[in-house]
Amino acid sequence: MTGTAVERAGAPDRRLVLTGYAGDGDSPAVEADVSHLGVGPVAALLGVPVAEFAECHPLRAPQARKLGELLGTPLDWREYDYFIEVERL
């Protein structure tokens, strides 16, 4: 598979997890697998090259709004600090 095909397929070697932390919380109040969106589109949303898309990426309010649109569920970016965490499988 080429890199582009892997990006479209959601990169089966990675799991993308949306996490949301309330205030000073240490544990996520929100956690959802968003791997179905694909690494390429999520990396582009965050402005991160796919080759550098690893670890944990914070979402700013505009990114959280756009991700909520892609998911069909609004994200409460005023209540939670959201992150996309990349887990290698």
PDB file of N, CA and C in Angstrom:
ATOM      1  N   MET A   1       0.836  -1.179   0.000  1.00  0.00           N
ATOM      2  CA  MET A   1       0.000   0.000   0.000  1.00  0.00           C
ATOM      3  C   MET A   1       0.881   1.242   0.000  1.00  0.00           C
ATOM      4  N   THR A   2       0.559   2.199  -0.807  1.00  0.00           N
ATOM      5  CA  THR A   2       1.323   3.448  -0.804  1.00  0.00           C
ATOM      6  C   THR A   2       0.919   4.281   0.400  1.00  0.00           C
ATOM      7  N   GLY A   3       1.721   5.284   0.717  1.00  0.00           N
ATOM      8  CA  GLY A   3       1.400   6.158   1.844  1.00  0.00           C
ATOM      9  C   GLY A   3       0.029   6.777   1.704  1.00  0.00           C
ATOM     10  N   THR A   4      -0.314   7.204   0.489  1.00  0.00           N
ATOM     11  CA  THR A   4      -1.612   7.834   0.269  1.00  0.00           C
ATOM     12  C   THR A   4      -2.739   6.840   0.517  1.00  0.00           C
ATOM     13  N   ALA A   5      -2.570   5.616   0.055  1.00  0.00           N
ATOM     14  CA  ALA A   5      -3.606   4.600   0.271  1.00  0.00           C
ATOM     15  C   ALA A   5      -3.739   4.290   1.754  1.00  0.00           C
ATOM     16  N   VAL A   6      -2.616   4.253   2.457  1.00  0.00           N
ATOM     17  CA  VAL A   6      -2.666   4.002   3.899  1.00  0.00           C
ATOM     18  C   VAL A   6      -3.419   5.126   4.597  1.00  0.00           C
ATOM     19  N   GLU A   7      -3.158   6.371   4.188  1.00  0.00           N
ATOM     20  CA  GLU A   7      -3.853   7.510   4.788  1.00  0.00           C
ATOM     21  C   GLU A   7      -5.357   7.393   4.581  1.00  0.00           C
ATOM     22  N   ARG A   8      -5.762   7.020   3.348  1.00  0.00           N
ATOM     23  CA  ARG A   8      -7.197   6.898   3.062  1.00  0.00           C
ATOM     24  C   ARG A   8      -7.818   5.753   3.839  1.00  0.00           C
ATOM     25  N   ALA A   9      -7.042   4.686   4.048  1.00  0.00           N
ATOM     26  CA  ALA A   9      -7.571   3.507   4.736  1.00  0.00           C
ATOM     27  C   ALA A   9      -7.622   3.700   6.244  1.00  0.00           C
ATOM     28  N   GLY A  10      -7.121   4.825   6.733  1.00  0.00           N
ATOM     29  CA  GLY A  10      -7.163   5.066   8.176  1.00  0.00           C
ATOM     30  C   GLY A  10      -5.910   4.588   8.874  1.00  0.00           C
ATOM     31  N   ALA A  11      -4.885   4.227   8.123  1.00  0.00           N
ATOM     32  CA  ALA A  11      -3.613   3.761   8.660  1.00  0.00           C
ATOM     33  C   ALA A  11      -3.836   2.659   9.684  1.00  0.00           C
ATOM     34  N   PRO A  12      -3.943   1.422   9.241  1.00  0.00           N
ATOM     35  CA  PRO A  12      -4.255   0.326  10.150  1.00  0.00           C
ATOM     36  C   PRO A  12      -3.211   0.107  11.245  1.00  0.00           C
ATOM     37  N   ASP A  13      -2.051   0.761  11.146  1.00  0.00           N
ATOM     38  CA  ASP A  13      -1.044   0.625  12.189  1.00  0.00           C
ATOM     39  C   ASP A  13      -1.226   1.651  13.305  1.00  0.00           C
ATOM     40  N   ARG A  14      -2.241   2.497  13.187  1.00  0.00           N
ATOM     41  CA  ARG A  14      -2.488   3.545  14.180  1.00  0.00           C
ATOM     42  C   ARG A  14      -3.965   3.593  14.559  1.00  0.00           C
ATOM     43  N   ARG A  15      -4.203   3.914  15.810  1.00  0.00           N
ATOM     44  CA  ARG A  15      -5.568   4.146  16.292  1.00  0.00           C
ATOM     45  C   ARG A  15      -5.623   5.600  16.725  1.00  0.00           C
ATOM     46  N   LEU A  16      -6.644   6.316  16.284  1.00  0.00           N
ATOM     47  CA  LEU A  16      -6.824   7.720  16.653  1.00  0.00           C
ATOM     48  C   LEU A  16      -7.908   7.804  17.710  1.00  0.00           C
ATOM     49  N   VAL A  17      -7.577   8.426  18.821  1.00  0.00           N
ATOM     50  CA  VAL A  17      -8.514   8.524  19.938  1.00  0.00           C
ATOM     51  C   VAL A  17      -8.717   9.993  20.280  1.00  0.00           C
ATOM     52  N   LEU A  18      -9.961  10.409  20.284  1.00  0.00           N
ATOM     53  CA  LEU A  18     -10.332  11.742  20.739  1.00  0.00           C
ATOM     54  C   LEU A  18     -10.528  11.662  22.242  1.00  0.00           C
ATOM     55  N   THR A  19      -9.806  12.507  22.976  1.00  0.00           N
ATOM     56  CA  THR A  19      -9.988  12.567  24.420  1.00  0.00           C
ATOM     57  C   THR A  19     -10.355  13.991  24.811  1.00  0.00           C
ATOM     58  N   GLY A  20     -11.164  14.110  25.839  1.00  0.00           N
ATOM     59  CA  GLY A  20     -11.563  15.408  26.358  1.00  0.00           C
ATOM     60  C   GLY A  20     -11.411  15.424  27.863  1.00  0.00           C
ATOM     61  N   TYR A  21     -10.706  16.424  28.359  1.00  0.00           N
ATOM     62  CA  TYR A  21     -10.454  16.562  29.783  1.00  0.00           C
ATOM     63  C   TYR A  21     -11.191  17.793  30.306  1.00  0.00           C
ATOM     64  N   ALA A  22     -11.908  17.619  31.402  1.00  0.00           N
ATOM     65  CA  ALA A  22     -12.627  18.731  32.026  1.00  0.00           C
ATOM     66  C   ALA A  22     -11.708  19.426  33.020  1.00  0.00           C
ATOM     67  N   GLY A  23     -11.576  20.736  32.862  1.00  0.00           N
ATOM     68  CA  GLY A  23     -10.787  21.517  33.807  1.00  0.00           C
ATOM     69  C   GLY A  23      -9.418  20.929  34.091  1.00  0.00           C
ATOM     70  N   ASP A  24      -9.162  20.666  35.373  1.00  0.00           N
ATOM     71  CA  ASP A  24      -7.873  20.127  35.798  1.00  0.00           C
ATOM     72  C   ASP A  24      -7.899  18.608  35.923  1.00  0.00           C
ATOM     73  N   GLY A  25      -8.853  17.965  35.287  1.00  0.00           N
ATOM     74  CA  GLY A  25      -8.982  16.512  35.397  1.00  0.00           C
ATOM     75  C   GLY A  25      -7.769  15.772  34.857  1.00  0.00           C
ATOM     76  N   ASP A  26      -7.411  14.708  35.544  1.00  0.00           N
ATOM     77  CA  ASP A  26      -6.295  13.868  35.113  1.00  0.00           C
ATOM     78  C   ASP A  26      -6.739  12.736  34.205  1.00  0.00           C
ATOM     79  N   SER A  27      -8.001  12.384  34.292  1.00  0.00           N
ATOM     80  CA  SER A  27      -8.547  11.301  33.479  1.00  0.00           C
ATOM     81  C   SER A  27      -9.506  11.886  32.453  1.00  0.00           C
ATOM     82  N   PRO A  28      -9.524  11.310  31.251  1.00  0.00           N
ATOM     83  CA  PRO A  28     -10.437  11.858  30.242  1.00  0.00           C
ATOM     84  C   PRO A  28     -11.897  11.650  30.616  1.00  0.00           C
ATOM     85  N   ALA A  29     -12.683  12.707  30.446  1.00  0.00           N
ATOM     86  CA  ALA A  29     -14.130  12.630  30.639  1.00  0.00           C
ATOM     87  C   ALA A  29     -14.792  12.168  29.347  1.00  0.00           C
ATOM     88  N   VAL A  30     -14.092  12.370  28.234  1.00  0.00           N
ATOM     89  CA  VAL A  30     -14.574  11.980  26.909  1.00  0.00           C
ATOM     90  C   VAL A  30     -13.483  11.154  26.263  1.00  0.00           C
ATOM     91  N   GLU A  31     -13.868  10.037  25.658  1.00  0.00           N
ATOM     92  CA  GLU A  31     -12.910   9.207  24.935  1.00  0.00           C
ATOM     93  C   GLU A  31     -13.655   8.495  23.810  1.00  0.00           C
ATOM     94  N   ALA A  32     -13.165   8.675  22.578  1.00  0.00           N
ATOM     95  CA  ALA A  32     -13.831   8.058  21.431  1.00  0.00           C
ATOM     96  C   ALA A  32     -12.804   7.700  20.368  1.00  0.00           C
ATOM     97  N   ASP A  33     -12.959   6.526  19.786  1.00  0.00           N
ATOM     98  CA  ASP A  33     -12.112   6.095  18.679  1.00  0.00           C
ATOM     99  C   ASP A  33     -12.596   6.818  17.422  1.00  0.00           C
ATOM    100  N   VAL A  34     -11.721   7.599  16.809  1.00  0.00           N
ATOM    101  CA  VAL A  34     -12.083   8.339  15.596  1.00  0.00           C
ATOM    102  C   VAL A  34     -11.227   7.890  14.412  1.00  0.00           C
ATOM    103  N   SER A  35     -10.694   6.674  14.494  1.00  0.00           N
ATOM    104  CA  SER A  35      -9.834   6.129  13.443  1.00  0.00           C
ATOM    105  C   SER A  35     -10.529   6.083  12.089  1.00  0.00           C
ATOM    106  N   HIS A  36     -11.856   5.917  12.109  1.00  0.00           N
ATOM    107  CA  HIS A  36     -12.601   5.817  10.850  1.00  0.00           C
ATOM    108  C   HIS A  36     -12.509   7.085  10.002  1.00  0.00           C
ATOM    109  N   LEU A  37     -12.122   8.206  10.614  1.00  0.00           N
ATOM    110  CA  LEU A  37     -11.983   9.453   9.854  1.00  0.00           C
ATOM    111  C   LEU A  37     -10.734   9.433   8.973  1.00  0.00           C
ATOM    112  N   GLY A  38      -9.763   8.621   9.337  1.00  0.00           N
ATOM    113  CA  GLY A  38      -8.531   8.506   8.569  1.00  0.00           C
ATOM    114  C   GLY A  38      -7.444   9.432   9.079  1.00  0.00           C
ATOM    115  N   VAL A  39      -6.227   8.952   9.026  1.00  0.00           N
ATOM    116  CA  VAL A  39      -5.078   9.724   9.495  1.00  0.00           C
ATOM    117  C   VAL A  39      -4.894  10.984   8.659  1.00  0.00           C
ATOM    118  N   GLY A  40      -4.980  10.872   7.336  1.00  0.00           N
ATOM    119  CA  GLY A  40      -4.760  12.018   6.451  1.00  0.00           C
ATOM    120  C   GLY A  40      -5.683  13.186   6.759  1.00  0.00           C
ATOM    121  N   PRO A  41      -7.000  12.967   6.787  1.00  0.00           N
ATOM    122  CA  PRO A  41      -7.914  14.074   7.077  1.00  0.00           C
ATOM    123  C   PRO A  41      -7.737  14.674   8.478  1.00  0.00           C
ATOM    124  N   VAL A  42      -7.483  13.835   9.472  1.00  0.00           N
ATOM    125  CA  VAL A  42      -7.323  14.357  10.836  1.00  0.00           C
ATOM    126  C   VAL A  42      -6.005  15.131  10.947  1.00  0.00           C
ATOM    127  N   ALA A  43      -4.935  14.603  10.344  1.00  0.00           N
ATOM    128  CA  ALA A  43      -3.651  15.319  10.354  1.00  0.00           C
ATOM    129  C   ALA A  43      -3.791  16.666   9.648  1.00  0.00           C
ATOM    130  N   ALA A  44      -4.502  16.685   8.516  1.00  0.00           N
ATOM    131  CA  ALA A  44      -4.707  17.939   7.782  1.00  0.00           C
ATOM    132  C   ALA A  44      -5.501  18.936   8.625  1.00  0.00           C
ATOM    133  N   LEU A  45      -6.522  18.459   9.317  1.00  0.00           N
ATOM    134  CA  LEU A  45      -7.321  19.319  10.191  1.00  0.00           C
ATOM    135  C   LEU A  45      -6.441  19.992  11.248  1.00  0.00           C
ATOM    136  N   LEU A  46      -5.467  19.246  11.748  1.00  0.00           N
ATOM    137  CA  LEU A  46      -4.582  19.757  12.793  1.00  0.00           C
ATOM    138  C   LEU A  46      -3.384  20.513  12.234  1.00  0.00           C
ATOM    139  N   GLY A  47      -3.198  20.454  10.914  1.00  0.00           N
ATOM    140  CA  GLY A  47      -2.063  21.134  10.307  1.00  0.00           C
ATOM    141  C   GLY A  47      -0.741  20.439  10.556  1.00  0.00           C
ATOM    142  N   VAL A  48      -0.794  19.107  10.709  1.00  0.00           N
ATOM    143  CA  VAL A  48       0.400  18.316  10.990  1.00  0.00           C
ATOM    144  C   VAL A  48       0.659  17.394   9.805  1.00  0.00           C
ATOM    145  N   PRO A  49       1.889  17.369   9.268  1.00  0.00           N
ATOM    146  CA  PRO A  49       2.182  16.411   8.194  1.00  0.00           C
ATOM    147  C   PRO A  49       1.969  14.973   8.679  1.00  0.00           C
ATOM    148  N   VAL A  50       1.435  14.128   7.817  1.00  0.00           N
ATOM    149  CA  VAL A  50       1.136  12.749   8.194  1.00  0.00           C
ATOM    150  C   VAL A  50       2.376  12.054   8.746  1.00  0.00           C
ATOM    151  N   ALA A  51       3.535  12.314   8.158  1.00  0.00           N
ATOM    152  CA  ALA A  51       4.773  11.671   8.610  1.00  0.00           C
ATOM    153  C   ALA A  51       5.118  12.052  10.050  1.00  0.00           C
ATOM    154  N   GLU A  52       4.630  13.195  10.520  1.00  0.00           N
ATOM    155  CA  GLU A  52       4.914  13.662  11.876  1.00  0.00           C
ATOM    156  C   GLU A  52       3.724  13.468  12.815  1.00  0.00           C
ATOM    157  N   PHE A  53       2.694  12.787  12.333  1.00  0.00           N
ATOM    158  CA  PHE A  53       1.471  12.623  13.117  1.00  0.00           C
ATOM    159  C   PHE A  53       1.639  11.459  14.080  1.00  0.00           C
ATOM    160  N   ALA A  54       2.052  11.783  15.312  1.00  0.00           N
ATOM    161  CA  ALA A  54       2.273  10.768  16.339  1.00  0.00           C
ATOM    162  C   ALA A  54       2.031  11.410  17.700  1.00  0.00           C
ATOM    163  N   GLU A  55       1.919  10.575  18.703  1.00  0.00           N
ATOM    164  CA  GLU A  55       1.767  11.035  20.081  1.00  0.00           C
ATOM    165  C   GLU A  55       0.412  11.683  20.349  1.00  0.00           C
ATOM    166  N   CYS A  56       0.431  12.939  20.789  1.00  0.00           N
ATOM    167  CA  CYS A  56      -0.785  13.609  21.239  1.00  0.00           C
ATOM    168  C   CYS A  56      -0.817  15.032  20.682  1.00  0.00           C
ATOM    169  N   HIS A  57      -1.963  15.422  20.143  1.00  0.00           N
ATOM    170  CA  HIS A  57      -2.115  16.739  19.538  1.00  0.00           C
ATOM    171  C   HIS A  57      -3.318  17.459  20.139  1.00  0.00           C
ATOM    172  N   PRO A  58      -3.094  18.644  20.724  1.00  0.00           N
ATOM    173  CA  PRO A  58      -4.228  19.402  21.270  1.00  0.00           C
ATOM    174  C   PRO A  58      -5.079  19.988  20.150  1.00  0.00           C
ATOM    175  N   LEU A  59      -6.362  20.112  20.419  1.00  0.00           N
ATOM    176  CA  LEU A  59      -7.295  20.728  19.475  1.00  0.00           C
ATOM    177  C   LEU A  59      -7.626  22.133  19.949  1.00  0.00           C
ATOM    178  N   ARG A  60      -7.505  23.101  19.064  1.00  0.00           N
ATOM    179  CA  ARG A  60      -7.976  24.456  19.355  1.00  0.00           C
ATOM    180  C   ARG A  60      -9.473  24.493  19.059  1.00  0.00           C
ATOM    181  N   ALA A  61     -10.146  25.524  19.500  1.00  0.00           N
ATOM    182  CA  ALA A  61     -11.601  25.629  19.344  1.00  0.00           C
ATOM    183  C   ALA A  61     -12.061  25.443  17.893  1.00  0.00           C
ATOM    184  N   PRO A  62     -11.445  26.105  16.892  1.00  0.00           N
ATOM    185  CA  PRO A  62     -11.913  25.903  15.514  1.00  0.00           C
ATOM    186  C   PRO A  62     -11.743  24.461  15.041  1.00  0.00           C
ATOM    187  N   GLN A  63     -10.670  23.818  15.498  1.00  0.00           N
ATOM    188  CA  GLN A  63     -10.442  22.419  15.124  1.00  0.00           C
ATOM    189  C   GLN A  63     -11.469  21.508  15.786  1.00  0.00           C
ATOM    190  N   ALA A  64     -11.796  21.798  17.043  1.00  0.00           N
ATOM    191  CA  ALA A  64     -12.807  21.007  17.750  1.00  0.00           C
ATOM    192  C   ALA A  64     -14.167  21.152  17.078  1.00  0.00           C
ATOM    193  N   ARG A  65     -14.494  22.366  16.651  1.00  0.00           N
ATOM    194  CA  ARG A  65     -15.772  22.571  15.940  1.00  0.00           C
ATOM    195  C   ARG A  65     -15.800  21.764  14.643  1.00  0.00           C
ATOM    196  N   LYS A  66     -14.715  21.822  13.868  1.00  0.00           N
ATOM    197  CA  LYS A  66     -14.661  21.106  12.592  1.00  0.00           C
ATOM    198  C   LYS A  66     -14.703  19.599  12.809  1.00  0.00           C
ATOM    199  N   LEU A  67     -13.969  19.113  13.805  1.00  0.00           N
ATOM    200  CA  LEU A  67     -13.992  17.676  14.088  1.00  0.00           C
ATOM    201  C   LEU A  67     -15.396  17.244  14.504  1.00  0.00           C
ATOM    202  N   GLY A  68     -16.065  18.061  15.303  1.00  0.00           N
ATOM    203  CA  GLY A  68     -17.445  17.759  15.676  1.00  0.00           C
ATOM    204  C   GLY A  68     -18.347  17.655  14.460  1.00  0.00           C
ATOM    205  N   GLU A  69     -18.134  18.532  13.473  1.00  0.00           N
ATOM    206  CA  GLU A  69     -18.907  18.464  12.229  1.00  0.00           C
ATOM    207  C   GLU A  69     -18.637  17.159  11.501  1.00  0.00           C
ATOM    208  N   LEU A  70     -17.366  16.757  11.425  1.00  0.00           N
ATOM    209  CA  LEU A  70     -17.019  15.498  10.754  1.00  0.00           C
ATOM    210  C   LEU A  70     -17.629  14.298  11.461  1.00  0.00           C
ATOM    211  N   LEU A  71     -17.714  14.381  12.780  1.00  0.00           N
ATOM    212  CA  LEU A  71     -18.281  13.280  13.572  1.00  0.00           C
ATOM    213  C   LEU A  71     -19.802  13.318  13.633  1.00  0.00           C
ATOM    214  N   GLY A  72     -20.384  14.458  13.268  1.00  0.00           N
ATOM    215  CA  GLY A  72     -21.833  14.595  13.362  1.00  0.00           C
ATOM    216  C   GLY A  72     -22.301  14.821  14.787  1.00  0.00           C
ATOM    217  N   THR A  73     -21.374  15.200  15.659  1.00  0.00           N
ATOM    218  CA  THR A  73     -21.666  15.446  17.066  1.00  0.00           C
ATOM    219  C   THR A  73     -20.888  16.670  17.508  1.00  0.00           C
ATOM    220  N   PRO A  74     -21.554  17.724  17.965  1.00  0.00           N
ATOM    221  CA  PRO A  74     -20.800  18.895  18.415  1.00  0.00           C
ATOM    222  C   PRO A  74     -19.942  18.570  19.627  1.00  0.00           C
ATOM    223  N   LEU A  75     -18.736  19.133  19.643  1.00  0.00           N
ATOM    224  CA  LEU A  75     -17.843  18.966  20.787  1.00  0.00           C
ATOM    225  C   LEU A  75     -17.931  20.221  21.644  1.00  0.00           C
ATOM    226  N   ASP A  76     -18.069  20.029  22.932  1.00  0.00           N
ATOM    227  CA  ASP A  76     -18.198  21.141  23.868  1.00  0.00           C
ATOM    228  C   ASP A  76     -16.810  21.659  24.222  1.00  0.00           C
ATOM    229  N   TRP A  77     -16.236  22.462  23.332  1.00  0.00           N
ATOM    230  CA  TRP A  77     -14.861  22.937  23.502  1.00  0.00           C
ATOM    231  C   TRP A  77     -14.744  23.986  24.609  1.00  0.00           C
ATOM    232  N   ARG A  78     -15.863  24.495  25.094  1.00  0.00           N
ATOM    233  CA  ARG A  78     -15.809  25.433  26.225  1.00  0.00           C
ATOM    234  C   ARG A  78     -15.667  24.681  27.556  1.00  0.00           C
ATOM    235  N   GLU A  79     -16.168  23.468  27.575  1.00  0.00           N
ATOM    236  CA  GLU A  79     -16.168  22.654  28.799  1.00  0.00           C
ATOM    237  C   GLU A  79     -14.951  21.729  28.898  1.00  0.00           C
ATOM    238  N   TYR A  80     -14.463  21.273  27.736  1.00  0.00           N
ATOM    239  CA  TYR A  80     -13.385  20.281  27.725  1.00  0.00           C
ATOM    240  C   TYR A  80     -12.194  20.742  26.904  1.00  0.00           C
ATOM    241  N   ASP A  81     -11.026  20.283  27.298  1.00  0.00           N
ATOM    242  CA  ASP A  81      -9.811  20.426  26.497  1.00  0.00           C
ATOM    243  C   ASP A  81      -9.671  19.121  25.722  1.00  0.00           C
ATOM    244  N   TYR A  82      -9.696  19.224  24.391  1.00  0.00           N
ATOM    245  CA  TYR A  82      -9.674  18.036  23.539  1.00  0.00           C
ATOM    246  C   TYR A  82      -8.296  17.783  22.953  1.00  0.00           C
ATOM    247  N   PHE A  83      -8.014  16.500  22.762  1.00  0.00           N
ATOM    248  CA  PHE A  83      -6.763  16.056  22.165  1.00  0.00           C
ATOM    249  C   PHE A  83      -7.039  14.895  21.221  1.00  0.00           C
ATOM    250  N   ILE A  84      -6.209  14.760  20.207  1.00  0.00           N
ATOM    251  CA  ILE A  84      -6.185  13.552  19.391  1.00  0.00           C
ATOM    252  C   ILE A  84      -4.937  12.796  19.809  1.00  0.00           C
ATOM    253  N   GLU A  85      -5.123  11.612  20.306  1.00  0.00           N
ATOM    254  CA  GLU A  85      -4.005  10.773  20.715  1.00  0.00           C
ATOM    255  C   GLU A  85      -3.820   9.685  19.670  1.00  0.00           C
ATOM    256  N   VAL A  86      -2.583   9.484  19.280  1.00  0.00           N
ATOM    257  CA  VAL A  86      -2.241   8.500  18.263  1.00  0.00           C
ATOM    258  C   VAL A  86      -1.619   7.303  18.965  1.00  0.00           C
ATOM    259  N   GLU A  87      -2.271   6.158  18.822  1.00  0.00           N
ATOM    260  CA  GLU A  87      -1.770   4.931  19.420  1.00  0.00           C
ATOM    261  C   GLU A  87      -1.269   4.009  18.325  1.00  0.00           C
ATOM    262  N   ARG A  88      -0.036   3.579  18.424  1.00  0.00           N
ATOM    263  CA  ARG A  88       0.514   2.606  17.473  1.00  0.00           C
ATOM    264  C   ARG A  88      -0.019   1.226  17.842  1.00  0.00           C
ATOM    265  N   LEU A  89      -0.439   0.485  16.849  1.00  0.00           N
ATOM    266  CA  LEU A  89      -0.962  -0.861  17.096  1.00  0.00           C
ATOM    267  C   LEU A  89       0.133  -1.896  16.927  1.00  0.00           C
TER     268      LEU A  89
END
